[in-house]
Each structure stands twice: as structure tokens, then as C-alpha cells.
Amino acid sequence: MQNVSEEMSLGTLVTLLVADLHRKKMPLPFRNQEPWHQLCYALKMNTEIPGKPKFLDELVFDWDGPYPKCEELSEFLNGLHITANVSGLNPGFNFIRVKDDDAARWSSELESLDPAAKSFVSHAAQIAVQEFSQ
């Protein structure tokens, strides 16, 4: 089992969230990445979340625009698209489309996490649903 505080990275968190939210049929924003940045910023700033991964404290957010933006997150989301793990080719590149095989693989990774890590990802998914629904 994976120990969330030592092992989880930004990429792992994003792929686990994509898989979980894909399963829930939640639209995943791609062109407008603000909800992703707001989600990660909220996770970083919340010191009360049990099992919070260490990488969140190290993320750097730039406030030059209307919302906090993390270059590392933008690069990862764009990288998922470039490597064809997700598609944004719907009209206007508005939403991420996930291949079912990738979603299934990432979901199995979610199931292999220790209880604290699963709880953290579940909490992050709840915040994502709020951010992505706005």
C-alpha cells in the first residue's frame, strides 16, 4: 500500500482524481484550468486535512492573474493531453476526455492506496466537484 505523505505526487493526485471523477461522470475542465488551480490551492492552504501529501506544501502559486496559478499543475495537465492519456479534442478543448482503459488503471491504483490516502483523495474529489461545478 502507498503511504500518501511520502509517495503521492501532484501527478498521482491528478490521475487519481481524473479516474474518480470520470467514474462519477463529472465534467473535467481542460481549456479553463482555473478550477484545477483553485482545487490545488485549496488543498495546499487547508492545514486540517488528514493525510495531506507533502508535495502540496511545496507547490508554488503565482497570483499575477485573477486566481492562483501553479505552473507545475498546468504543465502536468497539458502533458496528459500530449501523451494521449486524456483528450481535449471536444469542441473548443473545454473538457478532458479519459480513455476507459486509463481510467480503469488509475482507479485500480486508487483502490491500492492505504486508508489515509484514500480518505485524502476522497476529500480532494469532494472539493473538485464543488470547484468544477461552478
C-alpha atoms as a PDB file:
ATOM      1  CA  MET A   1       0.000   0.000   0.000  1.00  0.00           C
ATOM      2  CA  GLN A   2       1.135   3.501  -0.793  1.00  0.00           C
ATOM      3  CA  ASN A   3       1.906   5.880   2.076  1.00  0.00           C
ATOM      4  CA  VAL A   4       0.327   9.153   0.921  1.00  0.00           C
ATOM      5  CA  SER A   5       2.557  11.519   2.849  1.00  0.00           C
ATOM      6  CA  GLU A   6       5.738  10.045   1.380  1.00  0.00           C
ATOM      7  CA  GLU A   7       4.764   8.750  -2.047  1.00  0.00           C
ATOM      8  CA  MET A   8       1.955  10.786  -3.563  1.00  0.00           C
ATOM      9  CA  SER A   9       2.933  13.373  -6.138  1.00  0.00           C
ATOM     10  CA  LEU A  10       0.972  16.024  -7.983  1.00  0.00           C
ATOM     11  CA  GLY A  11       0.750  13.718 -10.992  1.00  0.00           C
ATOM     12  CA  THR A  12      -0.532  10.829  -8.916  1.00  0.00           C
ATOM     13  CA  LEU A  13      -3.174  13.013  -7.274  1.00  0.00           C
ATOM     14  CA  VAL A  14      -4.373  14.417 -10.604  1.00  0.00           C
ATOM     15  CA  THR A  15      -4.631  10.999 -12.270  1.00  0.00           C
ATOM     16  CA  LEU A  16      -6.465   9.535  -9.270  1.00  0.00           C
ATOM     17  CA  LEU A  17      -8.893  12.466  -9.289  1.00  0.00           C
ATOM     18  CA  VAL A  18      -9.402  12.181 -13.052  1.00  0.00           C
ATOM     19  CA  ALA A  19     -10.229   8.487 -12.663  1.00  0.00           C
ATOM     20  CA  ASP A  20     -12.581   9.040  -9.719  1.00  0.00           C
ATOM     21  CA  LEU A  21     -14.394  11.979 -11.295  1.00  0.00           C
ATOM     22  CA  HIS A  22     -14.575  10.183 -14.668  1.00  0.00           C
ATOM     23  CA  ARG A  23     -16.309   7.290 -12.900  1.00  0.00           C
ATOM     24  CA  LYS A  24     -18.767   9.786 -11.402  1.00  0.00           C
ATOM     25  CA  LYS A  25     -19.332  11.288 -14.873  1.00  0.00           C
ATOM     26  CA  MET A  26     -18.161  14.693 -13.670  1.00  0.00           C
ATOM     27  CA  PRO A  27     -17.074  17.040 -16.480  1.00  0.00           C
ATOM     28  CA  LEU A  28     -13.337  17.681 -16.164  1.00  0.00           C
ATOM     29  CA  PRO A  29     -12.253  21.146 -17.311  1.00  0.00           C
ATOM     30  CA  PHE A  30      -9.320  21.405 -19.698  1.00  0.00           C
ATOM     31  CA  ARG A  31      -9.241  24.728 -21.532  1.00  0.00           C
ATOM     32  CA  ASN A  32     -10.174  26.717 -18.430  1.00  0.00           C
ATOM     33  CA  GLN A  33      -7.778  25.279 -15.882  1.00  0.00           C
ATOM     34  CA  GLU A  34      -8.850  27.676 -13.135  1.00  0.00           C
ATOM     35  CA  PRO A  35     -10.902  25.011 -11.274  1.00  0.00           C
ATOM     36  CA  TRP A  36      -7.841  22.721 -11.142  1.00  0.00           C
ATOM     37  CA  HIS A  37      -5.695  25.529  -9.754  1.00  0.00           C
ATOM     38  CA  GLN A  38      -8.349  26.553  -7.231  1.00  0.00           C
ATOM     39  CA  LEU A  39      -8.623  22.925  -6.112  1.00  0.00           C
ATOM     40  CA  CYS A  40      -4.878  22.504  -5.567  1.00  0.00           C
ATOM     41  CA  TYR A  41      -4.622  25.890  -3.870  1.00  0.00           C
ATOM     42  CA  ALA A  42      -7.471  24.973  -1.506  1.00  0.00           C
ATOM     43  CA  LEU A  43      -5.768  21.651  -0.717  1.00  0.00           C
ATOM     44  CA  LYS A  44      -2.447  23.420  -0.107  1.00  0.00           C
ATOM     45  CA  MET A  45      -3.943  26.047   2.199  1.00  0.00           C
ATOM     46  CA  ASN A  46      -6.078  23.639   4.264  1.00  0.00           C
ATOM     47  CA  THR A  47      -3.887  22.514   7.141  1.00  0.00           C
ATOM     48  CA  GLU A  48      -6.668  20.423   8.677  1.00  0.00           C
ATOM     49  CA  ILE A  49      -6.855  17.698   6.004  1.00  0.00           C
ATOM     50  CA  PRO A  50      -5.723  14.356   7.420  1.00  0.00           C
ATOM     51  CA  GLY A  51      -3.174  12.537   5.278  1.00  0.00           C
ATOM     52  CA  LYS A  52      -2.240  15.674   3.319  1.00  0.00           C
ATOM     53  CA  PRO A  53       0.680  14.844   0.991  1.00  0.00           C
ATOM     54  CA  LYS A  54       3.942  16.714   1.497  1.00  0.00           C
ATOM     55  CA  PHE A  55       4.138  17.840  -2.143  1.00  0.00           C
ATOM     56  CA  LEU A  56       1.217  20.243  -1.618  1.00  0.00           C
ATOM     57  CA  ASP A  57       3.269  22.377   0.752  1.00  0.00           C
ATOM     58  CA  GLU A  58       5.932  22.714  -1.930  1.00  0.00           C
ATOM     59  CA  LEU A  59       3.655  23.800  -4.785  1.00  0.00           C
ATOM     60  CA  VAL A  60       4.242  27.385  -5.868  1.00  0.00           C
ATOM     61  CA  PHE A  61       1.282  29.532  -6.910  1.00  0.00           C
ATOM     62  CA  ASP A  62       1.539  32.747  -8.889  1.00  0.00           C
ATOM     63  CA  TRP A  63      -1.053  35.447  -8.226  1.00  0.00           C
ATOM     64  CA  ASP A  64      -0.407  37.586 -11.317  1.00  0.00           C
ATOM     65  CA  GLY A  65      -3.920  36.879 -12.594  1.00  0.00           C
ATOM     66  CA  PRO A  66      -7.423  36.610 -11.180  1.00  0.00           C
ATOM     67  CA  TYR A  67      -6.719  33.287  -9.428  1.00  0.00           C
ATOM     68  CA  PRO A  68      -3.740  31.406  -8.007  1.00  0.00           C
ATOM     69  CA  LYS A  69      -1.948  29.521 -10.755  1.00  0.00           C
ATOM     70  CA  CYS A  70       0.591  26.725 -10.405  1.00  0.00           C
ATOM     71  CA  GLU A  71       2.886  26.252 -13.410  1.00  0.00           C
ATOM     72  CA  GLU A  72       3.652  22.647 -12.410  1.00  0.00           C
ATOM     73  CA  LEU A  73      -0.066  21.790 -12.485  1.00  0.00           C
ATOM     74  CA  SER A  74      -0.562  23.428 -15.888  1.00  0.00           C
ATOM     75  CA  GLU A  75       2.402  21.532 -17.276  1.00  0.00           C
ATOM     76  CA  PHE A  76       1.083  18.224 -15.927  1.00  0.00           C
ATOM     77  CA  LEU A  77      -2.434  18.738 -17.336  1.00  0.00           C
ATOM     78  CA  ASN A  78      -1.005  19.678 -20.726  1.00  0.00           C
ATOM     79  CA  GLY A  79       1.360  16.707 -20.522  1.00  0.00           C
ATOM     80  CA  LEU A  80      -1.545  14.322 -20.007  1.00  0.00           C
ATOM     81  CA  HIS A  81      -3.046  15.642 -23.222  1.00  0.00           C
ATOM     82  CA  ILE A  82       0.240  15.463 -25.156  1.00  0.00           C
ATOM     83  CA  THR A  83       0.884  11.858 -24.097  1.00  0.00           C
ATOM     84  CA  ALA A  84      -2.670  10.957 -25.196  1.00  0.00           C
ATOM     85  CA  ASN A  85      -3.753   9.762 -21.759  1.00  0.00           C
ATOM     86  CA  VAL A  86      -6.557  12.301 -21.971  1.00  0.00           C
ATOM     87  CA  SER A  87      -8.159  14.053 -24.896  1.00  0.00           C
ATOM     88  CA  GLY A  88      -9.320  17.626 -25.106  1.00  0.00           C
ATOM     89  CA  LEU A  89     -10.415  17.464 -28.727  1.00  0.00           C
ATOM     90  CA  ASN A  90     -14.081  18.081 -27.989  1.00  0.00           C
ATOM     91  CA  PRO A  91     -15.356  21.330 -29.479  1.00  0.00           C
ATOM     92  CA  GLY A  92     -13.177  24.070 -28.085  1.00  0.00           C
ATOM     93  CA  PHE A  93     -10.913  21.880 -25.909  1.00  0.00           C
ATOM     94  CA  ASN A  94     -13.259  22.595 -22.997  1.00  0.00           C
ATOM     95  CA  PHE A  95     -13.242  19.240 -21.213  1.00  0.00           C
ATOM     96  CA  ILE A  96     -10.905  16.330 -20.622  1.00  0.00           C
ATOM     97  CA  ARG A  97     -11.993  13.017 -22.083  1.00  0.00           C
ATOM     98  CA  VAL A  98     -10.350   9.994 -20.497  1.00  0.00           C
ATOM     99  CA  LYS A  99      -9.789   6.673 -22.194  1.00  0.00           C
ATOM    100  CA  ASP A 100     -11.663   3.963 -20.311  1.00  0.00           C
ATOM    101  CA  ASP A 101      -8.508   1.812 -20.090  1.00  0.00           C
ATOM    102  CA  ASP A 102      -6.544   4.631 -18.462  1.00  0.00           C
ATOM    103  CA  ALA A 103      -9.398   5.458 -16.094  1.00  0.00           C
ATOM    104  CA  ALA A 104      -9.638   1.787 -15.077  1.00  0.00           C
ATOM    105  CA  ARG A 105      -5.876   1.561 -14.466  1.00  0.00           C
ATOM    106  CA  TRP A 106      -5.872   4.748 -12.401  1.00  0.00           C
ATOM    107  CA  SER A 107      -8.946   3.556 -10.472  1.00  0.00           C
ATOM    108  CA  SER A 108      -7.138   0.346  -9.559  1.00  0.00           C
ATOM    109  CA  GLU A 109      -4.256   2.469  -8.248  1.00  0.00           C
ATOM    110  CA  LEU A 110      -6.767   4.353  -6.105  1.00  0.00           C
ATOM    111  CA  GLU A 111      -8.012   1.084  -4.650  1.00  0.00           C
ATOM    112  CA  SER A 112      -4.463   0.049  -3.700  1.00  0.00           C
ATOM    113  CA  LEU A 113      -3.899   3.120  -1.503  1.00  0.00           C
ATOM    114  CA  ASP A 114      -3.810   2.929   2.262  1.00  0.00           C
ATOM    115  CA  PRO A 115      -6.951   4.169   4.095  1.00  0.00           C
ATOM    116  CA  ALA A 116      -5.468   7.610   4.890  1.00  0.00           C
ATOM    117  CA  ALA A 117      -4.539   8.185   1.243  1.00  0.00           C
ATOM    118  CA  LYS A 118      -7.967   7.043   0.044  1.00  0.00           C
ATOM    119  CA  SER A 119      -9.574   9.405   2.524  1.00  0.00           C
ATOM    120  CA  PHE A 120      -7.440  12.294   1.282  1.00  0.00           C
ATOM    121  CA  VAL A 121      -8.281  11.593  -2.377  1.00  0.00           C
ATOM    122  CA  SER A 122     -11.974  11.317  -1.471  1.00  0.00           C
ATOM    123  CA  HIS A 123     -11.794  14.686   0.293  1.00  0.00           C
ATOM    124  CA  ALA A 124      -9.992  16.212  -2.700  1.00  0.00           C
ATOM    125  CA  ALA A 125     -12.665  14.799  -5.033  1.00  0.00           C
ATOM    126  CA  GLN A 126     -15.409  16.451  -2.960  1.00  0.00           C
ATOM    127  CA  ILE A 127     -13.653  19.819  -3.304  1.00  0.00           C
ATOM    128  CA  ALA A 128     -13.130  19.152  -7.038  1.00  0.00           C
ATOM    129  CA  VAL A 129     -16.842  18.551  -7.555  1.00  0.00           C
ATOM    130  CA  GLN A 130     -17.549  21.937  -5.968  1.00  0.00           C
ATOM    131  CA  GLU A 131     -14.843  23.733  -7.981  1.00  0.00           C
ATOM    132  CA  PHE A 132     -15.709  22.034 -11.292  1.00  0.00           C
ATOM    133  CA  SER A 133     -19.447  22.725 -10.897  1.00  0.00           C
ATOM    134  CA  GLN A 134     -19.052  26.496 -10.674  1.00  0.00           C
END
